[in-house]
Amino acid sequence: MNTTQDTPKKEITLEMICQQKAEKLSEIRASKQRMTEQARELFKPSESMKSANALMSNFSSGVAIFNGVMTGFKIIKRIRNIFRR
């Protein structure tokens, strides 16, 4: 025999939904604040860099970006040549 037991069901009210929504919204805002602080910490300039070091670092980054772009163009050119044949 299969007997079913009535389990009490928890009623969900509009007030409960509003309260949960407010809690989740505050959690999201706190998480966003933590992510913003971590991003600022990661990308802030180093205080120990002198002006000459900063200049060389910027120059080095620029050369690396230029090198990457040129390599990308060369790869695209070779791929186009393969499909034109």
Protein backbone atom coordinates (compact mmCIF):
# COMPACT_ATOMS: atom_id res chain seq x y z
CA MET A 1 0.00 0.00 0.00
CA ASN A 2 1.13 3.42 -0.84
CA THR A 3 0.32 6.00 1.76
CA THR A 4 0.96 9.62 1.13
CA GLN A 5 1.77 11.93 3.92
CA ASP A 6 0.79 15.52 3.69
CA THR A 7 3.88 17.61 4.09
CA PRO A 8 3.27 21.14 5.21
CA LYS A 9 4.00 23.53 2.40
CA LYS A 10 5.64 26.81 3.14
CA GLU A 11 3.61 29.71 1.89
CA ILE A 12 5.39 32.26 -0.20
CA THR A 13 4.21 35.79 0.30
CA LEU A 14 4.86 38.96 -1.61
CA GLU A 15 6.71 40.39 1.38
CA MET A 16 9.07 37.40 1.43
CA ILE A 17 9.79 37.84 -2.26
CA CYS A 18 10.49 41.56 -1.81
CA GLN A 19 12.79 40.82 1.13
CA GLN A 20 14.73 38.16 -0.81
CA LYS A 21 15.01 40.50 -3.79
CA ALA A 22 16.44 43.26 -1.58
CA GLU A 23 18.94 40.83 -0.01
CA LYS A 24 20.13 39.56 -3.40
CA LEU A 25 20.41 43.10 -4.73
CA SER A 26 22.59 44.10 -1.79
CA GLU A 27 24.75 40.99 -2.35
CA ILE A 28 25.16 41.90 -6.03
CA ARG A 29 26.13 45.47 -5.16
CA ALA A 30 28.68 44.28 -2.61
CA SER A 31 30.13 41.84 -5.14
CA LYS A 32 30.33 44.57 -7.77
CA GLN A 33 32.14 46.82 -5.30
CA ARG A 34 34.68 44.07 -4.51
CA MET A 35 35.29 43.41 -8.23
CA THR A 36 35.77 47.14 -8.89
CA GLU A 37 38.29 47.43 -6.06
CA GLN A 38 40.21 44.38 -7.29
CA ALA A 39 40.31 45.73 -10.86
CA ARG A 40 41.61 49.08 -9.63
CA GLU A 41 44.25 47.30 -7.55
CA LEU A 42 45.37 45.22 -10.53
CA PHE A 43 45.62 48.08 -13.01
CA LYS A 44 46.86 50.93 -10.86
CA PRO A 45 50.32 52.19 -11.76
CA SER A 46 53.15 51.09 -9.58
CA GLU A 47 54.34 53.71 -7.11
CA SER A 48 57.93 52.51 -7.27
CA MET A 49 58.27 53.32 -10.98
CA LYS A 50 60.42 56.32 -11.77
CA SER A 51 59.73 58.42 -14.83
CA ALA A 52 62.48 56.73 -16.90
CA ASN A 53 61.21 53.27 -15.98
CA ALA A 54 57.66 54.30 -16.77
CA LEU A 55 58.74 55.64 -20.16
CA MET A 56 60.62 52.45 -21.02
CA SER A 57 57.71 50.33 -19.82
CA ASN A 58 55.29 52.28 -22.03
CA PHE A 59 57.67 52.03 -24.99
CA SER A 60 58.09 48.30 -24.47
CA SER A 61 54.33 47.81 -24.29
CA GLY A 62 53.87 49.83 -27.48
CA VAL A 63 56.46 47.75 -29.34
CA ALA A 64 54.81 44.54 -28.15
CA ILE A 65 51.39 45.72 -29.32
CA PHE A 66 52.80 46.79 -32.69
CA ASN A 67 54.54 43.42 -33.06
CA GLY A 68 51.30 41.59 -32.29
CA VAL A 69 49.33 43.63 -34.81
CA MET A 70 51.92 43.06 -37.54
CA THR A 71 51.99 39.33 -36.83
CA GLY A 72 48.19 39.27 -37.03
CA PHE A 73 48.24 41.00 -40.41
CA LYS A 74 50.80 38.52 -41.72
CA ILE A 75 48.71 35.57 -40.57
CA ILE A 76 45.56 37.01 -42.15
CA LYS A 77 47.44 37.62 -45.42
CA ARG A 78 48.66 34.01 -45.53
CA ILE A 79 45.20 32.65 -44.78
CA ARG A 80 43.70 34.74 -47.57
CA ASN A 81 46.37 33.47 -49.98
CA ILE A 82 45.51 29.88 -49.07
CA PHE A 83 41.81 30.36 -49.88
CA ARG A 84 42.47 32.31 -53.12
CA ARG A 85 44.24 29.36 -54.73
